Amino acid sequence: MDNLVEWKKQQRKQLIATREAVAEHLRRQWSAAISAFLKQGLAQPQQMTIGIYWPFRGEYDFRPIAEYFLQRGATLALPEVVEKFQPLRFREWLPDMSMINGAYGIPAPDNTPIVRLDAIIVPMVGFDPQGYRLGYGSGYYDRTLATYEHQPLTIGIAFELQRLPDIYPQAHDISMHYIVTEAGIFQTKAHHLIPASVLQNSK
């Protein structure tokens, strides 16, 4: 594609605006469906350290089901931007804990332990039928995943309205193991998204 950078920039702008314009009752309905699929798919989270994210600009909000996973033995962690163009650092997080105002105005845990992840729930601006993610363009998640010798389970989260025919992935792009939307759980197999019922670390 000619001028892929500009195309991605325009797609981001349009998809974020569309997501932010979703009626509140629909967002609640779709988010409840995603939460139910995450509970179903991660049925045995004991001893897992799961990276989540603080919702931004109309994204799915994981926080309402955080307690559910904590009660089942999971450790939850939020990302911290250490430096521009550097991998993210994940710090342990609990509901109602002290937070600081992090990069881009997004809250981050206040000096809690740094953890390595078994699974990471990744926000997506868009996604395609091959399981590739369109992010915000800064490359933080790609850089973070590249630091792992054994990649954690990657679970992209989006609403169906963010599905694109193709995001024209580049060599550095990493497809998600799974994508969860309000329509279900989808696994990336042989560069195709197929319906799945569980979220487990095999691609």
N, C-alpha and C. Protein backbone atom coordinates (compact mmCIF):
# COMPACT_ATOMS: atom_id res chain seq x y z
N MET A 1 0.85 -1.20 0.00
CA MET A 1 0.00 0.00 0.00
C MET A 1 0.88 1.25 0.00
N ASP A 2 0.48 2.26 -0.79
CA ASP A 2 1.20 3.53 -0.80
C ASP A 2 0.89 4.29 0.49
N ASN A 3 1.92 4.85 1.09
CA ASN A 3 1.80 5.69 2.29
C ASN A 3 1.01 5.00 3.40
N LEU A 4 1.55 3.87 3.84
CA LEU A 4 0.92 3.07 4.89
C LEU A 4 0.83 3.84 6.20
N VAL A 5 1.83 4.65 6.49
CA VAL A 5 1.85 5.42 7.75
C VAL A 5 0.64 6.36 7.80
N GLU A 6 0.38 7.05 6.72
CA GLU A 6 -0.75 7.98 6.69
C GLU A 6 -2.07 7.22 6.76
N TRP A 7 -2.15 6.07 6.07
CA TRP A 7 -3.38 5.27 6.12
C TRP A 7 -3.67 4.82 7.55
N LYS A 8 -2.64 4.33 8.25
CA LYS A 8 -2.84 3.89 9.64
C LYS A 8 -3.24 5.05 10.55
N LYS A 9 -2.65 6.19 10.31
CA LYS A 9 -3.00 7.39 11.10
C LYS A 9 -4.48 7.72 10.93
N GLN A 10 -4.96 7.69 9.69
CA GLN A 10 -6.37 7.99 9.42
C GLN A 10 -7.29 6.92 10.01
N GLN A 11 -6.88 5.64 9.91
CA GLN A 11 -7.68 4.57 10.49
C GLN A 11 -7.80 4.73 12.00
N ARG A 12 -6.68 5.05 12.64
CA ARG A 12 -6.71 5.25 14.11
C ARG A 12 -7.70 6.35 14.48
N LYS A 13 -7.58 7.46 13.78
CA LYS A 13 -8.44 8.62 14.09
C LYS A 13 -9.91 8.25 13.93
N GLN A 14 -10.24 7.57 12.84
CA GLN A 14 -11.62 7.21 12.57
C GLN A 14 -12.14 6.15 13.56
N LEU A 15 -11.33 5.14 13.83
CA LEU A 15 -11.78 4.05 14.72
C LEU A 15 -11.94 4.54 16.16
N ILE A 16 -11.04 5.40 16.63
CA ILE A 16 -11.16 5.92 17.99
C ILE A 16 -12.40 6.80 18.10
N ALA A 17 -12.64 7.64 17.09
CA ALA A 17 -13.83 8.50 17.11
C ALA A 17 -15.10 7.66 17.11
N THR A 18 -15.13 6.60 16.32
CA THR A 18 -16.29 5.71 16.27
C THR A 18 -16.51 5.02 17.61
N ARG A 19 -15.42 4.55 18.21
CA ARG A 19 -15.52 3.88 19.52
C ARG A 19 -16.02 4.85 20.60
N GLU A 20 -15.51 6.06 20.60
CA GLU A 20 -15.92 7.04 21.62
C GLU A 20 -17.37 7.45 21.45
N ALA A 21 -17.91 7.31 20.23
CA ALA A 21 -19.29 7.72 19.97
C ALA A 21 -20.32 6.64 20.31
N VAL A 22 -19.85 5.45 20.72
CA VAL A 22 -20.78 4.36 21.05
C VAL A 22 -21.66 4.77 22.24
N ALA A 23 -22.96 4.52 22.12
CA ALA A 23 -23.89 4.84 23.20
C ALA A 23 -23.51 4.07 24.47
N GLU A 24 -23.71 4.69 25.62
CA GLU A 24 -23.27 4.11 26.88
C GLU A 24 -23.92 2.75 27.15
N HIS A 25 -25.20 2.61 26.82
CA HIS A 25 -25.87 1.33 27.08
C HIS A 25 -25.28 0.22 26.22
N LEU A 26 -24.86 0.56 24.99
CA LEU A 26 -24.23 -0.44 24.13
C LEU A 26 -22.85 -0.80 24.64
N ARG A 27 -22.09 0.21 25.08
CA ARG A 27 -20.76 -0.06 25.62
C ARG A 27 -20.85 -0.98 26.83
N ARG A 28 -21.83 -0.75 27.70
CA ARG A 28 -22.02 -1.61 28.88
C ARG A 28 -22.36 -3.04 28.45
N GLN A 29 -23.24 -3.15 27.46
CA GLN A 29 -23.66 -4.47 26.98
C GLN A 29 -22.48 -5.22 26.36
N TRP A 30 -21.74 -4.56 25.49
CA TRP A 30 -20.59 -5.19 24.84
C TRP A 30 -19.50 -5.55 25.85
N SER A 31 -19.26 -4.63 26.79
CA SER A 31 -18.23 -4.88 27.80
C SER A 31 -18.60 -6.05 28.69
N ALA A 32 -19.87 -6.17 29.04
CA ALA A 32 -20.33 -7.30 29.86
C ALA A 32 -20.09 -8.61 29.12
N ALA A 33 -20.31 -8.61 27.80
CA ALA A 33 -20.08 -9.82 27.00
C ALA A 33 -18.59 -10.18 26.98
N ILE A 34 -17.73 -9.18 26.80
CA ILE A 34 -16.28 -9.42 26.80
C ILE A 34 -15.84 -9.96 28.16
N SER A 35 -16.35 -9.37 29.23
CA SER A 35 -16.01 -9.83 30.58
C SER A 35 -16.40 -11.29 30.77
N ALA A 36 -17.58 -11.66 30.29
CA ALA A 36 -18.04 -13.04 30.42
C ALA A 36 -17.13 -13.99 29.65
N PHE A 37 -16.69 -13.59 28.46
CA PHE A 37 -15.79 -14.44 27.67
C PHE A 37 -14.42 -14.57 28.34
N LEU A 38 -13.93 -13.49 28.96
CA LEU A 38 -12.65 -13.57 29.66
C LEU A 38 -12.74 -14.51 30.86
N LYS A 39 -13.84 -14.44 31.60
CA LYS A 39 -14.03 -15.35 32.74
C LYS A 39 -14.10 -16.80 32.27
N GLN A 40 -14.80 -17.01 31.17
CA GLN A 40 -14.94 -18.36 30.61
C GLN A 40 -13.60 -18.87 30.09
N GLY A 41 -12.90 -18.02 29.37
CA GLY A 41 -11.67 -18.43 28.71
C GLY A 41 -10.50 -18.61 29.65
N LEU A 42 -10.43 -17.78 30.69
CA LEU A 42 -9.37 -17.89 31.70
C LEU A 42 -9.96 -18.50 32.96
N ALA A 43 -10.45 -19.69 32.83
CA ALA A 43 -11.20 -20.34 33.92
C ALA A 43 -10.31 -20.75 35.08
N GLN A 44 -9.01 -20.92 34.85
CA GLN A 44 -8.09 -21.34 35.91
C GLN A 44 -6.88 -20.38 35.96
N PRO A 45 -7.09 -19.18 36.49
CA PRO A 45 -6.02 -18.18 36.48
C PRO A 45 -5.06 -18.27 37.67
N GLN A 46 -5.19 -19.33 38.48
CA GLN A 46 -4.34 -19.46 39.66
C GLN A 46 -2.86 -19.35 39.27
N GLN A 47 -2.12 -18.58 40.06
CA GLN A 47 -0.67 -18.41 39.88
C GLN A 47 -0.30 -17.68 38.58
N MET A 48 -1.28 -17.14 37.86
CA MET A 48 -0.97 -16.39 36.65
C MET A 48 -0.78 -14.91 36.97
N THR A 49 0.22 -14.31 36.36
CA THR A 49 0.37 -12.86 36.43
C THR A 49 -0.14 -12.30 35.10
N ILE A 50 -1.19 -11.50 35.18
CA ILE A 50 -1.90 -11.03 33.99
C ILE A 50 -1.74 -9.52 33.87
N GLY A 51 -1.20 -9.08 32.75
CA GLY A 51 -1.11 -7.66 32.46
C GLY A 51 -2.43 -7.16 31.91
N ILE A 52 -2.94 -6.08 32.48
CA ILE A 52 -4.18 -5.47 32.00
C ILE A 52 -3.86 -4.03 31.60
N TYR A 53 -4.86 -3.20 31.36
CA TYR A 53 -4.60 -1.81 30.99
C TYR A 53 -5.69 -0.92 31.58
N TRP A 54 -5.36 0.34 31.79
CA TRP A 54 -6.32 1.33 32.28
C TRP A 54 -7.10 1.83 31.07
N PRO A 55 -8.43 1.80 31.08
CA PRO A 55 -9.21 2.16 29.89
C PRO A 55 -8.99 3.61 29.46
N PHE A 56 -8.94 3.80 28.14
CA PHE A 56 -8.56 5.07 27.55
C PHE A 56 -9.42 5.30 26.30
N ARG A 57 -10.09 6.43 26.24
CA ARG A 57 -10.82 6.84 25.04
C ARG A 57 -11.82 5.78 24.55
N GLY A 58 -12.67 5.35 25.47
CA GLY A 58 -13.76 4.46 25.10
C GLY A 58 -13.42 2.99 25.03
N GLU A 59 -12.24 2.60 25.54
CA GLU A 59 -11.84 1.19 25.51
C GLU A 59 -12.66 0.34 26.50
N TYR A 60 -12.65 -0.95 26.27
CA TYR A 60 -13.19 -1.91 27.24
C TYR A 60 -12.49 -1.72 28.58
N ASP A 61 -13.27 -1.80 29.66
CA ASP A 61 -12.76 -1.61 31.01
C ASP A 61 -12.73 -2.95 31.76
N PHE A 62 -11.53 -3.41 32.08
CA PHE A 62 -11.36 -4.69 32.78
C PHE A 62 -11.67 -4.58 34.27
N ARG A 63 -11.61 -3.39 34.83
CA ARG A 63 -11.64 -3.23 36.29
C ARG A 63 -12.85 -3.86 36.99
N PRO A 64 -14.06 -3.84 36.39
CA PRO A 64 -15.20 -4.46 37.09
C PRO A 64 -15.03 -5.94 37.39
N ILE A 65 -14.17 -6.66 36.64
CA ILE A 65 -13.98 -8.09 36.91
C ILE A 65 -12.61 -8.38 37.54
N ALA A 66 -11.90 -7.33 37.93
CA ALA A 66 -10.57 -7.52 38.53
C ALA A 66 -10.66 -8.38 39.78
N GLU A 67 -11.64 -8.09 40.64
CA GLU A 67 -11.77 -8.81 41.90
C GLU A 67 -12.02 -10.30 41.66
N TYR A 68 -12.77 -10.60 40.61
CA TYR A 68 -13.06 -12.00 40.26
C TYR A 68 -11.76 -12.77 40.04
N PHE A 69 -10.82 -12.19 39.29
CA PHE A 69 -9.56 -12.87 39.01
C PHE A 69 -8.63 -12.88 40.22
N LEU A 70 -8.63 -11.81 40.98
CA LEU A 70 -7.80 -11.77 42.18
C LEU A 70 -8.24 -12.84 43.18
N GLN A 71 -9.53 -13.01 43.35
CA GLN A 71 -10.05 -14.01 44.28
C GLN A 71 -9.70 -15.43 43.84
N ARG A 72 -9.40 -15.60 42.56
CA ARG A 72 -9.04 -16.93 42.04
C ARG A 72 -7.53 -17.11 41.91
N GLY A 73 -6.78 -16.25 42.56
CA GLY A 73 -5.35 -16.46 42.67
C GLY A 73 -4.47 -15.79 41.64
N ALA A 74 -5.06 -14.96 40.78
CA ALA A 74 -4.25 -14.26 39.78
C ALA A 74 -3.58 -13.03 40.40
N THR A 75 -2.46 -12.62 39.82
CA THR A 75 -1.84 -11.33 40.13
C THR A 75 -2.09 -10.44 38.92
N LEU A 76 -2.55 -9.21 39.17
CA LEU A 76 -2.82 -8.28 38.08
C LEU A 76 -1.77 -7.17 38.07
N ALA A 77 -1.46 -6.69 36.87
CA ALA A 77 -0.42 -5.67 36.73
C ALA A 77 -0.82 -4.66 35.66
N LEU A 78 -0.43 -3.41 35.88
CA LEU A 78 -0.69 -2.34 34.92
C LEU A 78 0.62 -1.84 34.32
N PRO A 79 0.57 -1.35 33.07
CA PRO A 79 1.80 -0.89 32.42
C PRO A 79 2.23 0.49 32.90
N GLU A 80 3.53 0.70 32.82
CA GLU A 80 4.13 1.99 33.14
C GLU A 80 5.07 2.35 31.99
N VAL A 81 4.90 3.54 31.43
CA VAL A 81 5.82 4.01 30.41
C VAL A 81 7.06 4.53 31.12
N VAL A 82 8.18 3.86 30.88
CA VAL A 82 9.44 4.23 31.53
C VAL A 82 10.10 5.37 30.77
N GLU A 83 10.12 5.22 29.46
CA GLU A 83 10.76 6.21 28.60
C GLU A 83 10.18 6.05 27.21
N LYS A 84 10.12 7.14 26.45
CA LYS A 84 9.58 7.08 25.10
C LYS A 84 10.41 6.10 24.25
N PHE A 85 9.69 5.28 23.46
CA PHE A 85 10.30 4.30 22.56
C PHE A 85 11.02 3.17 23.29
N GLN A 86 10.68 2.96 24.56
CA GLN A 86 11.25 1.86 25.34
C GLN A 86 10.13 0.89 25.73
N PRO A 87 10.47 -0.39 26.06
CA PRO A 87 9.43 -1.33 26.49
C PRO A 87 8.70 -0.84 27.73
N LEU A 88 7.47 -1.27 27.87
CA LEU A 88 6.68 -0.97 29.07
C LEU A 88 7.22 -1.78 30.25
N ARG A 89 6.98 -1.26 31.43
CA ARG A 89 7.28 -2.00 32.66
C ARG A 89 5.93 -2.23 33.34
N PHE A 90 5.69 -3.46 33.77
CA PHE A 90 4.41 -3.77 34.42
C PHE A 90 4.59 -3.86 35.92
N ARG A 91 3.71 -3.14 36.64
CA ARG A 91 3.74 -3.12 38.11
C ARG A 91 2.46 -3.74 38.66
N GLU A 92 2.62 -4.46 39.75
CA GLU A 92 1.47 -5.11 40.39
C GLU A 92 0.41 -4.07 40.75
N TRP A 93 -0.85 -4.45 40.55
CA TRP A 93 -1.97 -3.53 40.81
C TRP A 93 -3.08 -4.23 41.56
N LEU A 94 -3.68 -3.49 42.50
CA LEU A 94 -4.87 -3.92 43.22
C LEU A 94 -5.90 -2.79 43.16
N PRO A 95 -7.19 -3.12 43.13
CA PRO A 95 -8.21 -2.07 43.15
C PRO A 95 -8.06 -1.18 44.38
N ASP A 96 -8.33 0.09 44.21
CA ASP A 96 -8.32 1.08 45.30
C ASP A 96 -6.93 1.41 45.84
N MET A 97 -5.86 0.95 45.18
CA MET A 97 -4.53 1.29 45.65
C MET A 97 -4.15 2.69 45.18
N SER A 98 -3.09 3.23 45.77
CA SER A 98 -2.59 4.55 45.40
C SER A 98 -2.03 4.51 43.98
N MET A 99 -2.39 5.52 43.19
CA MET A 99 -1.95 5.58 41.80
C MET A 99 -1.26 6.93 41.54
N ILE A 100 -0.41 6.94 40.51
CA ILE A 100 0.21 8.20 40.09
C ILE A 100 -0.29 8.52 38.67
N ASN A 101 -0.15 9.77 38.28
CA ASN A 101 -0.55 10.18 36.95
C ASN A 101 0.60 9.87 36.00
N GLY A 102 0.42 8.85 35.16
CA GLY A 102 1.50 8.40 34.29
C GLY A 102 1.50 9.10 32.95
N ALA A 103 2.25 8.53 32.01
CA ALA A 103 2.36 9.10 30.66
C ALA A 103 0.98 9.15 29.99
N TYR A 104 0.76 10.18 29.17
CA TYR A 104 -0.50 10.39 28.45
C TYR A 104 -1.67 10.60 29.41
N GLY A 105 -1.37 10.91 30.68
CA GLY A 105 -2.42 11.14 31.66
C GLY A 105 -3.10 9.88 32.14
N ILE A 106 -2.50 8.72 31.86
CA ILE A 106 -3.10 7.43 32.25
C ILE A 106 -2.54 7.01 33.61
N PRO A 107 -3.39 6.68 34.59
CA PRO A 107 -2.89 6.29 35.92
C PRO A 107 -2.01 5.04 35.87
N ALA A 108 -1.03 5.01 36.77
CA ALA A 108 -0.13 3.86 36.90
C ALA A 108 0.08 3.59 38.39
N PRO A 109 0.37 2.32 38.76
CA PRO A 109 0.60 2.01 40.18
C PRO A 109 1.79 2.81 40.73
N ASP A 110 1.69 3.15 42.01
CA ASP A 110 2.71 3.97 42.66
C ASP A 110 3.79 3.09 43.29
N ASN A 111 4.83 2.79 42.50
CA ASN A 111 6.03 2.12 43.01
C ASN A 111 5.77 0.73 43.61
N THR A 112 4.83 -0.01 43.00
CA THR A 112 4.59 -1.39 43.44
C THR A 112 5.60 -2.32 42.74
N PRO A 113 5.69 -3.59 43.16
CA PRO A 113 6.68 -4.49 42.55
C PRO A 113 6.53 -4.62 41.04
N ILE A 114 7.66 -4.68 40.35
CA ILE A 114 7.69 -4.92 38.91
C ILE A 114 7.57 -6.43 38.69
N VAL A 115 6.73 -6.84 37.74
CA VAL A 115 6.48 -8.27 37.54
C VAL A 115 6.70 -8.64 36.07
N ARG A 116 6.91 -9.92 35.83
CA ARG A 116 6.94 -10.49 34.48
C ARG A 116 5.59 -11.18 34.26
N LEU A 117 5.11 -11.14 33.04
CA LEU A 117 3.74 -11.56 32.75
C LEU A 117 3.65 -12.97 32.20
N ASP A 118 2.59 -13.67 32.61
CA ASP A 118 2.23 -14.95 32.00
C ASP A 118 1.23 -14.73 30.86
N ALA A 119 0.42 -13.69 31.01
CA ALA A 119 -0.58 -13.34 30.00
C ALA A 119 -0.72 -11.82 29.98
N ILE A 120 -1.07 -11.30 28.82
CA ILE A 120 -1.23 -9.84 28.71
C ILE A 120 -2.49 -9.54 27.90
N ILE A 121 -3.35 -8.73 28.48
CA ILE A 121 -4.57 -8.28 27.82
C ILE A 121 -4.24 -6.94 27.15
N VAL A 122 -4.31 -6.93 25.83
CA VAL A 122 -3.77 -5.83 25.04
C VAL A 122 -4.90 -5.00 24.42
N PRO A 123 -4.90 -3.69 24.64
CA PRO A 123 -5.90 -2.85 23.98
C PRO A 123 -5.60 -2.72 22.50
N MET A 124 -6.65 -2.65 21.69
CA MET A 124 -6.47 -2.53 20.25
C MET A 124 -7.31 -1.38 19.70
N VAL A 125 -6.74 -0.62 18.79
CA VAL A 125 -7.52 0.39 18.07
C VAL A 125 -8.27 -0.29 16.93
N GLY A 126 -7.63 -1.29 16.33
CA GLY A 126 -8.25 -2.07 15.27
C GLY A 126 -7.60 -3.44 15.20
N PHE A 127 -8.20 -4.34 14.43
CA PHE A 127 -7.61 -5.67 14.23
C PHE A 127 -8.10 -6.23 12.91
N ASP A 128 -7.40 -7.26 12.41
CA ASP A 128 -7.78 -7.84 11.13
C ASP A 128 -8.00 -9.35 11.24
N PRO A 129 -8.47 -9.99 10.19
CA PRO A 129 -8.79 -11.42 10.24
C PRO A 129 -7.58 -12.33 10.41
N GLN A 130 -6.36 -11.78 10.35
CA GLN A 130 -5.16 -12.58 10.58
C GLN A 130 -4.70 -12.53 12.04
N GLY A 131 -5.41 -11.74 12.86
CA GLY A 131 -5.04 -11.63 14.26
C GLY A 131 -4.04 -10.54 14.55
N TYR A 132 -3.80 -9.66 13.58
CA TYR A 132 -2.88 -8.55 13.80
C TYR A 132 -3.62 -7.35 14.38
N ARG A 133 -2.89 -6.58 15.16
CA ARG A 133 -3.46 -5.47 15.91
C ARG A 133 -2.99 -4.14 15.35
N LEU A 134 -3.92 -3.20 15.24
CA LEU A 134 -3.57 -1.80 14.99
C LEU A 134 -3.57 -1.10 16.33
N GLY A 135 -2.41 -0.62 16.76
CA GLY A 135 -2.29 0.06 18.05
C GLY A 135 -2.32 1.56 17.88
N TYR A 136 -1.82 2.26 18.90
CA TYR A 136 -1.84 3.72 18.86
C TYR A 136 -0.66 4.30 18.09
N GLY A 137 0.27 3.45 17.67
CA GLY A 137 1.35 3.92 16.82
C GLY A 137 2.67 4.15 17.50
N SER A 138 2.73 3.99 18.83
CA SER A 138 3.98 4.23 19.56
C SER A 138 4.86 2.98 19.66
N GLY A 139 4.27 1.80 19.44
CA GLY A 139 5.05 0.56 19.44
C GLY A 139 5.42 0.02 20.80
N TYR A 140 4.78 0.51 21.86
CA TYR A 140 5.16 0.08 23.21
C TYR A 140 4.93 -1.42 23.42
N TYR A 141 3.78 -1.91 22.98
CA TYR A 141 3.49 -3.33 23.22
C TYR A 141 4.39 -4.24 22.39
N ASP A 142 4.67 -3.86 21.14
CA ASP A 142 5.57 -4.67 20.32
C ASP A 142 6.95 -4.74 20.97
N ARG A 143 7.45 -3.61 21.45
CA ARG A 143 8.77 -3.59 22.11
C ARG A 143 8.76 -4.42 23.39
N THR A 144 7.66 -4.34 24.13
CA THR A 144 7.57 -5.09 25.39
C THR A 144 7.57 -6.59 25.12
N LEU A 145 6.77 -7.04 24.17
CA LEU A 145 6.70 -8.48 23.85
C LEU A 145 8.03 -8.99 23.33
N ALA A 146 8.78 -8.14 22.65
CA ALA A 146 10.08 -8.54 22.10
C ALA A 146 11.11 -8.81 23.19
N THR A 147 10.85 -8.35 24.44
CA THR A 147 11.80 -8.59 25.53
C THR A 147 11.63 -9.97 26.17
N TYR A 148 10.58 -10.69 25.80
CA TYR A 148 10.30 -11.99 26.39
C TYR A 148 10.89 -13.10 25.55
N GLU A 149 11.67 -13.97 26.18
CA GLU A 149 12.19 -15.14 25.47
C GLU A 149 11.05 -16.09 25.14
N HIS A 150 10.14 -16.29 26.10
CA HIS A 150 8.93 -17.07 25.89
C HIS A 150 7.76 -16.10 25.98
N GLN A 151 7.14 -15.85 24.85
CA GLN A 151 6.12 -14.81 24.80
C GLN A 151 4.94 -15.15 25.70
N PRO A 152 4.47 -14.18 26.49
CA PRO A 152 3.26 -14.44 27.29
C PRO A 152 2.05 -14.62 26.38
N LEU A 153 1.01 -15.19 26.93
CA LEU A 153 -0.24 -15.34 26.22
C LEU A 153 -0.78 -13.95 25.89
N THR A 154 -1.00 -13.66 24.61
CA THR A 154 -1.47 -12.32 24.21
C THR A 154 -2.94 -12.37 23.84
N ILE A 155 -3.72 -11.51 24.49
CA ILE A 155 -5.17 -11.48 24.31
C ILE A 155 -5.56 -10.06 23.91
N GLY A 156 -5.82 -9.85 22.64
CA GLY A 156 -6.25 -8.53 22.17
C GLY A 156 -7.73 -8.31 22.47
N ILE A 157 -8.06 -7.09 22.88
CA ILE A 157 -9.44 -6.76 23.24
C ILE A 157 -9.93 -5.61 22.36
N ALA A 158 -11.12 -5.78 21.79
CA ALA A 158 -11.72 -4.72 20.98
C ALA A 158 -13.21 -4.98 20.84
N PHE A 159 -13.91 -4.00 20.30
CA PHE A 159 -15.30 -4.19 19.91
C PHE A 159 -15.32 -4.58 18.43
N GLU A 160 -16.37 -5.24 18.00
CA GLU A 160 -16.46 -5.70 16.62
C GLU A 160 -16.38 -4.54 15.61
N LEU A 161 -16.82 -3.37 15.99
CA LEU A 161 -16.78 -2.24 15.06
C LEU A 161 -15.34 -1.81 14.73
N GLN A 162 -14.36 -2.39 15.45
CA GLN A 162 -12.96 -2.08 15.20
C GLN A 162 -12.29 -3.10 14.27
N ARG A 163 -13.06 -4.04 13.76
CA ARG A 163 -12.53 -5.06 12.86
C ARG A 163 -12.31 -4.45 11.47
N LEU A 164 -11.12 -4.65 10.91
CA LEU A 164 -10.76 -4.14 9.59
C LEU A 164 -10.49 -5.32 8.64
N PRO A 165 -10.62 -5.13 7.33
CA PRO A 165 -10.31 -6.21 6.38
C PRO A 165 -8.83 -6.58 6.41
N ASP A 166 -7.95 -5.60 6.68
CA ASP A 166 -6.50 -5.84 6.67
C ASP A 166 -5.83 -4.65 7.33
N ILE A 167 -4.81 -4.89 8.18
CA ILE A 167 -4.05 -3.75 8.71
C ILE A 167 -2.66 -3.67 8.06
N TYR A 168 -2.42 -4.52 7.07
CA TYR A 168 -1.14 -4.52 6.34
C TYR A 168 0.04 -4.62 7.31
N PRO A 169 0.13 -5.75 8.04
CA PRO A 169 1.17 -5.89 9.06
C PRO A 169 2.58 -5.84 8.46
N GLN A 170 3.51 -5.28 9.26
CA GLN A 170 4.90 -5.20 8.87
C GLN A 170 5.69 -6.28 9.62
N ALA A 171 6.98 -6.41 9.29
CA ALA A 171 7.80 -7.49 9.84
C ALA A 171 7.85 -7.46 11.37
N HIS A 172 7.78 -6.27 11.97
CA HIS A 172 7.90 -6.16 13.42
C HIS A 172 6.57 -6.44 14.14
N ASP A 173 5.47 -6.48 13.41
CA ASP A 173 4.17 -6.69 14.04
C ASP A 173 4.02 -8.13 14.53
N ILE A 174 3.43 -8.28 15.71
CA ILE A 174 3.22 -9.59 16.33
C ILE A 174 1.72 -9.85 16.41
N SER A 175 1.26 -10.94 15.81
CA SER A 175 -0.17 -11.25 15.88
C SER A 175 -0.53 -11.70 17.30
N MET A 176 -1.77 -11.46 17.67
CA MET A 176 -2.27 -11.87 18.97
C MET A 176 -2.53 -13.38 18.97
N HIS A 177 -2.29 -14.03 20.12
CA HIS A 177 -2.69 -15.43 20.23
C HIS A 177 -4.22 -15.54 20.13
N TYR A 178 -4.89 -14.62 20.81
CA TYR A 178 -6.36 -14.60 20.83
C TYR A 178 -6.85 -13.16 20.72
N ILE A 179 -8.06 -13.00 20.20
CA ILE A 179 -8.76 -11.73 20.22
C ILE A 179 -10.15 -11.99 20.81
N VAL A 180 -10.54 -11.11 21.75
CA VAL A 180 -11.86 -11.23 22.37
C VAL A 180 -12.66 -9.97 22.07
N THR A 181 -13.85 -10.15 21.51
CA THR A 181 -14.78 -9.06 21.28
C THR A 181 -16.12 -9.44 21.92
N GLU A 182 -17.11 -8.57 21.76
CA GLU A 182 -18.43 -8.90 22.29
C GLU A 182 -19.06 -10.09 21.56
N ALA A 183 -18.47 -10.47 20.41
CA ALA A 183 -19.00 -11.59 19.63
C ALA A 183 -18.40 -12.94 20.02
N GLY A 184 -17.30 -12.93 20.80
CA GLY A 184 -16.72 -14.20 21.20
C GLY A 184 -15.21 -14.18 21.34
N ILE A 185 -14.65 -15.37 21.54
CA ILE A 185 -13.20 -15.58 21.63
C ILE A 185 -12.73 -16.13 20.28
N PHE A 186 -11.68 -15.53 19.74
CA PHE A 186 -11.13 -15.98 18.46
C PHE A 186 -9.65 -16.26 18.62
N GLN A 187 -9.21 -17.39 18.11
CA GLN A 187 -7.81 -17.79 18.18
C GLN A 187 -7.15 -17.61 16.82
N THR A 188 -5.88 -17.15 16.83
CA THR A 188 -5.13 -17.03 15.59
C THR A 188 -4.48 -18.37 15.28
N LYS A 189 -4.88 -18.96 14.17
CA LYS A 189 -4.29 -20.23 13.73
C LYS A 189 -4.01 -20.13 12.24
N ALA A 190 -2.75 -20.40 11.89
CA ALA A 190 -2.34 -20.34 10.48
C ALA A 190 -2.76 -19.01 9.85
N HIS A 191 -2.56 -17.92 10.60
CA HIS A 191 -2.85 -16.56 10.13
C HIS A 191 -4.33 -16.32 9.84
N HIS A 192 -5.19 -17.02 10.58
CA HIS A 192 -6.64 -16.79 10.47
C HIS A 192 -7.25 -16.81 11.87
N LEU A 193 -8.21 -15.94 12.09
CA LEU A 193 -8.96 -15.96 13.34
C LEU A 193 -10.07 -16.99 13.23
N ILE A 194 -10.10 -17.91 14.20
CA ILE A 194 -11.16 -18.92 14.24
C ILE A 194 -11.81 -18.91 15.62
N PRO A 195 -13.08 -19.27 15.74
CA PRO A 195 -13.74 -19.28 17.05
C PRO A 195 -13.04 -20.25 18.01
N ALA A 196 -12.98 -19.85 19.27
CA ALA A 196 -12.38 -20.67 20.33
C ALA A 196 -13.23 -20.55 21.58
N SER A 197 -12.97 -21.43 22.55
CA SER A 197 -13.73 -21.38 23.80
C SER A 197 -12.86 -21.11 25.01
N VAL A 198 -11.54 -21.39 24.88
CA VAL A 198 -10.64 -21.18 26.01
C VAL A 198 -9.45 -20.35 25.55
N LEU A 199 -8.79 -19.72 26.54
CA LEU A 199 -7.60 -18.91 26.29
C LEU A 199 -6.43 -19.65 26.92
N GLN A 200 -5.64 -20.32 26.11
CA GLN A 200 -4.51 -21.08 26.65
C GLN A 200 -3.28 -20.81 25.82
N ASN A 201 -2.11 -21.04 26.43
CA ASN A 201 -0.87 -20.61 25.80
C ASN A 201 -0.36 -21.60 24.77
N SER A 202 -1.10 -21.71 23.67
CA SER A 202 -0.65 -22.48 22.51
C SER A 202 -1.20 -21.81 21.28
N LYS A 203 -0.36 -21.65 20.27
CA LYS A 203 -0.79 -20.87 19.10
C LYS A 203 -1.14 -21.75 17.93
